[in-house]
Amino acid sequence: MGIQVTFDAADPHALARFWADVLGYEVEDVSPFVDELVESGRLPPDQRVVVDGRSAFRDVAAARDPAGAGPRLYFQRVPEPKTAKNRVHLDVPVPVERRQDEVRRLEGRGARLLWVTDDRGPVTYTMTDPEGNEFCLH
């Protein structure tokens, strides 16, 4: 079993799509399992939502590396908004010649550039995802 990184989220499905796009991951399709749980009465129907045409759990989503090399990302709905700086963040490697283009692309997806630094070596772009979680492109 590999490592899983868990994110608290206001909208776990939107955040799963964002991070799947950033990392080249796939949002996990759990629709057969969710449908089976609802049909058997083990999951209340109001706990199922349709996302991108597929049944999903209302309050959780996940994304995985199709190559199986990276950690699974798990997103769980929480009622409170993010209020402080992350104590942990993801560093995303991007070839130096593509970093500025990637910053612009991710800004178009709802990310925000916070600052650019080279104080520890390579130029690093510190950004936030659409819900304010910090990450770095390096």
C-alpha atoms as a PDB file:
ATOM      1  CA  MET A   1       0.000   0.000   0.000  1.00  0.00           C
ATOM      2  CA  GLY A   2       1.357   3.409  -0.937  1.00  0.00           C
ATOM      3  CA  ILE A   3       1.209   6.844   0.620  1.00  0.00           C
ATOM      4  CA  GLN A   4      -2.000   8.857   0.482  1.00  0.00           C
ATOM      5  CA  VAL A   5      -2.104  12.638   0.891  1.00  0.00           C
ATOM      6  CA  THR A   6      -5.416  13.945   2.268  1.00  0.00           C
ATOM      7  CA  PHE A   7      -6.817  17.425   1.628  1.00  0.00           C
ATOM      8  CA  ASP A   8      -9.672  19.029   3.542  1.00  0.00           C
ATOM      9  CA  ALA A   9     -11.936  20.734   0.999  1.00  0.00           C
ATOM     10  CA  ALA A  10     -15.086  22.743   0.546  1.00  0.00           C
ATOM     11  CA  ASP A  11     -15.622  21.061  -2.852  1.00  0.00           C
ATOM     12  CA  PRO A  12     -13.721  17.753  -2.958  1.00  0.00           C
ATOM     13  CA  HIS A  13     -14.737  16.987  -6.538  1.00  0.00           C
ATOM     14  CA  ALA A  14     -13.509  20.303  -7.962  1.00  0.00           C
ATOM     15  CA  LEU A  15     -10.258  20.011  -6.024  1.00  0.00           C
ATOM     16  CA  ALA A  16      -9.735  16.423  -7.217  1.00  0.00           C
ATOM     17  CA  ARG A  17     -10.166  17.574 -10.838  1.00  0.00           C
ATOM     18  CA  PHE A  18      -7.746  20.482 -10.289  1.00  0.00           C
ATOM     19  CA  TRP A  19      -5.010  18.300  -8.807  1.00  0.00           C
ATOM     20  CA  ALA A  20      -5.535  15.523 -11.357  1.00  0.00           C
ATOM     21  CA  ASP A  21      -4.931  18.141 -14.041  1.00  0.00           C
ATOM     22  CA  VAL A  22      -1.827  19.550 -12.288  1.00  0.00           C
ATOM     23  CA  LEU A  23      -0.196  16.161 -11.800  1.00  0.00           C
ATOM     24  CA  GLY A  24      -1.452  14.212 -14.820  1.00  0.00           C
ATOM     25  CA  TYR A  25      -3.513  12.020 -12.493  1.00  0.00           C
ATOM     26  CA  GLU A  26      -6.942  10.469 -13.019  1.00  0.00           C
ATOM     27  CA  VAL A  27      -9.942  11.179 -10.827  1.00  0.00           C
ATOM     28  CA  GLU A  28     -11.009   7.801  -9.498  1.00  0.00           C
ATOM     29  CA  ASP A  29     -14.265   6.465 -10.900  1.00  0.00           C
ATOM     30  CA  VAL A  30     -16.145   4.868  -8.012  1.00  0.00           C
ATOM     31  CA  SER A  31     -19.540   5.006  -9.700  1.00  0.00           C
ATOM     32  CA  PRO A  32     -20.226   1.239  -9.804  1.00  0.00           C
ATOM     33  CA  PHE A  33     -19.424   0.954  -6.093  1.00  0.00           C
ATOM     34  CA  VAL A  34     -21.491   4.015  -5.125  1.00  0.00           C
ATOM     35  CA  ASP A  35     -24.449   2.821  -7.205  1.00  0.00           C
ATOM     36  CA  GLU A  36     -24.230  -0.637  -5.635  1.00  0.00           C
ATOM     37  CA  LEU A  37     -24.193   0.867  -2.128  1.00  0.00           C
ATOM     38  CA  VAL A  38     -27.241   3.039  -2.836  1.00  0.00           C
ATOM     39  CA  GLU A  39     -29.174   0.225  -4.558  1.00  0.00           C
ATOM     40  CA  SER A  40     -28.481  -2.169  -1.667  1.00  0.00           C
ATOM     41  CA  GLY A  41     -29.590   0.431   0.887  1.00  0.00           C
ATOM     42  CA  ARG A  42     -26.156   0.685   2.522  1.00  0.00           C
ATOM     43  CA  LEU A  43     -25.676   4.319   1.421  1.00  0.00           C
ATOM     44  CA  PRO A  44     -28.463   6.900   1.664  1.00  0.00           C
ATOM     45  CA  PRO A  45     -29.367   8.314  -1.772  1.00  0.00           C
ATOM     46  CA  ASP A  46     -28.563  11.859  -0.611  1.00  0.00           C
ATOM     47  CA  GLN A  47     -24.939  10.772  -0.128  1.00  0.00           C
ATOM     48  CA  ARG A  48     -24.599  10.156  -3.881  1.00  0.00           C
ATOM     49  CA  VAL A  49     -23.965  12.960  -6.386  1.00  0.00           C
ATOM     50  CA  VAL A  50     -23.381  12.900 -10.117  1.00  0.00           C
ATOM     51  CA  VAL A  51     -20.053  14.428 -11.148  1.00  0.00           C
ATOM     52  CA  ASP A  52     -18.971  14.516 -14.780  1.00  0.00           C
ATOM     53  CA  GLY A  53     -21.799  12.104 -15.597  1.00  0.00           C
ATOM     54  CA  ARG A  54     -20.789   9.513 -12.989  1.00  0.00           C
ATOM     55  CA  SER A  55     -22.070   8.648  -9.536  1.00  0.00           C
ATOM     56  CA  ALA A  56     -19.759   9.656  -6.715  1.00  0.00           C
ATOM     57  CA  PHE A  57     -19.730   9.966  -2.952  1.00  0.00           C
ATOM     58  CA  ARG A  58     -21.078  13.393  -1.990  1.00  0.00           C
ATOM     59  CA  ASP A  59     -18.336  14.276   0.470  1.00  0.00           C
ATOM     60  CA  VAL A  60     -15.162  12.634  -0.844  1.00  0.00           C
ATOM     61  CA  ALA A  61     -13.174  12.216  -4.046  1.00  0.00           C
ATOM     62  CA  ALA A  62      -9.758  10.834  -4.943  1.00  0.00           C
ATOM     63  CA  ALA A  63      -7.186  11.075  -7.705  1.00  0.00           C
ATOM     64  CA  ARG A  64      -4.430   8.638  -8.536  1.00  0.00           C
ATOM     65  CA  ASP A  65      -1.317   8.442 -10.645  1.00  0.00           C
ATOM     66  CA  PRO A  66      -2.133   6.216 -13.641  1.00  0.00           C
ATOM     67  CA  ALA A  67       1.473   4.970 -13.594  1.00  0.00           C
ATOM     68  CA  GLY A  68       1.152   4.045  -9.917  1.00  0.00           C
ATOM     69  CA  ALA A  69       4.316   5.947  -8.955  1.00  0.00           C
ATOM     70  CA  GLY A  70       2.870   8.957  -7.107  1.00  0.00           C
ATOM     71  CA  PRO A  71       0.782   9.068  -3.949  1.00  0.00           C
ATOM     72  CA  ARG A  72      -2.987   8.823  -4.037  1.00  0.00           C
ATOM     73  CA  LEU A  73      -4.688  12.148  -3.307  1.00  0.00           C
ATOM     74  CA  TYR A  74      -7.844  12.039  -1.194  1.00  0.00           C
ATOM     75  CA  PHE A  75     -10.204  15.016  -0.804  1.00  0.00           C
ATOM     76  CA  GLN A  76     -12.741  15.182   2.028  1.00  0.00           C
ATOM     77  CA  ARG A  77     -15.413  17.798   2.568  1.00  0.00           C
ATOM     78  CA  VAL A  78     -15.085  19.819   5.768  1.00  0.00           C
ATOM     79  CA  PRO A  79     -17.452  22.562   6.940  1.00  0.00           C
ATOM     80  CA  GLU A  80     -14.836  25.167   7.832  1.00  0.00           C
ATOM     81  CA  PRO A  81     -12.717  27.168   5.366  1.00  0.00           C
ATOM     82  CA  LYS A  82      -8.923  27.113   5.319  1.00  0.00           C
ATOM     83  CA  THR A  83      -7.689  29.763   7.748  1.00  0.00           C
ATOM     84  CA  ALA A  84      -3.901  29.379   8.086  1.00  0.00           C
ATOM     85  CA  LYS A  85      -0.779  28.527   6.128  1.00  0.00           C
ATOM     86  CA  ASN A  86      -0.253  24.880   5.240  1.00  0.00           C
ATOM     87  CA  ARG A  87       2.151  22.928   7.431  1.00  0.00           C
ATOM     88  CA  VAL A  88       2.751  20.571   4.476  1.00  0.00           C
ATOM     89  CA  HIS A  89       2.661  21.342   0.757  1.00  0.00           C
ATOM     90  CA  LEU A  90       3.306  19.591  -2.536  1.00  0.00           C
ATOM     91  CA  ASP A  91       6.312  20.449  -4.710  1.00  0.00           C
ATOM     92  CA  VAL A  92       5.531  19.877  -8.376  1.00  0.00           C
ATOM     93  CA  PRO A  93       8.486  19.495 -10.740  1.00  0.00           C
ATOM     94  CA  VAL A  94       8.070  21.380 -14.025  1.00  0.00           C
ATOM     95  CA  PRO A  95      10.849  21.822 -16.607  1.00  0.00           C
ATOM     96  CA  VAL A  96      12.316  25.314 -16.265  1.00  0.00           C
ATOM     97  CA  GLU A  97      11.316  26.296 -19.806  1.00  0.00           C
ATOM     98  CA  ARG A  98       7.657  25.455 -19.080  1.00  0.00           C
ATOM     99  CA  ARG A  99       7.235  26.972 -15.607  1.00  0.00           C
ATOM    100  CA  GLN A 100       5.853  30.370 -16.604  1.00  0.00           C
ATOM    101  CA  ASP A 101       3.426  28.765 -19.062  1.00  0.00           C
ATOM    102  CA  GLU A 102       2.340  26.316 -16.360  1.00  0.00           C
ATOM    103  CA  VAL A 103       1.774  29.179 -13.913  1.00  0.00           C
ATOM    104  CA  ARG A 104      -0.510  30.894 -16.454  1.00  0.00           C
ATOM    105  CA  ARG A 105      -2.331  27.639 -17.246  1.00  0.00           C
ATOM    106  CA  LEU A 106      -2.977  26.906 -13.573  1.00  0.00           C
ATOM    107  CA  GLU A 107      -4.093  30.474 -12.933  1.00  0.00           C
ATOM    108  CA  GLY A 108      -6.681  29.856 -15.643  1.00  0.00           C
ATOM    109  CA  ARG A 109      -7.848  26.847 -13.609  1.00  0.00           C
ATOM    110  CA  GLY A 110      -8.272  28.882 -10.415  1.00  0.00           C
ATOM    111  CA  ALA A 111      -4.771  28.777  -8.905  1.00  0.00           C
ATOM    112  CA  ARG A 112      -3.109  31.956  -7.683  1.00  0.00           C
ATOM    113  CA  LEU A 113       0.575  32.905  -7.833  1.00  0.00           C
ATOM    114  CA  LEU A 114       1.819  34.110  -4.441  1.00  0.00           C
ATOM    115  CA  TRP A 115       5.505  34.777  -5.105  1.00  0.00           C
ATOM    116  CA  VAL A 116       8.589  33.706  -7.060  1.00  0.00           C
ATOM    117  CA  THR A 117      11.907  33.024  -5.350  1.00  0.00           C
ATOM    118  CA  ASP A 118      15.338  31.623  -6.053  1.00  0.00           C
ATOM    119  CA  ASP A 119      16.746  31.953  -2.533  1.00  0.00           C
ATOM    120  CA  ARG A 120      17.258  28.188  -2.157  1.00  0.00           C
ATOM    121  CA  GLY A 121      18.524  27.363  -5.622  1.00  0.00           C
ATOM    122  CA  PRO A 122      16.188  26.901  -8.585  1.00  0.00           C
ATOM    123  CA  VAL A 123      13.474  29.412  -9.380  1.00  0.00           C
ATOM    124  CA  THR A 124      10.368  28.332  -7.486  1.00  0.00           C
ATOM    125  CA  TYR A 125       6.816  29.585  -8.035  1.00  0.00           C
ATOM    126  CA  THR A 126       4.734  29.406  -4.865  1.00  0.00           C
ATOM    127  CA  MET A 127       1.033  29.165  -5.680  1.00  0.00           C
ATOM    128  CA  THR A 128      -2.292  28.243  -4.109  1.00  0.00           C
ATOM    129  CA  ASP A 129      -4.889  25.874  -5.491  1.00  0.00           C
ATOM    130  CA  PRO A 130      -8.496  27.105  -5.868  1.00  0.00           C
ATOM    131  CA  GLU A 131      -9.139  26.530  -2.146  1.00  0.00           C
ATOM    132  CA  GLY A 132      -5.981  28.260  -0.923  1.00  0.00           C
ATOM    133  CA  ASN A 133      -3.685  25.265  -0.352  1.00  0.00           C
ATOM    134  CA  GLU A 134      -0.080  26.248  -1.063  1.00  0.00           C
ATOM    135  CA  PHE A 135       2.103  24.337  -3.517  1.00  0.00           C
ATOM    136  CA  CYS A 136       5.314  25.034  -5.386  1.00  0.00           C
ATOM    137  CA  LEU A 137       6.324  24.623  -9.009  1.00  0.00           C
ATOM    138  CA  HIS A 138      10.061  24.048  -9.214  1.00  0.00           C
END
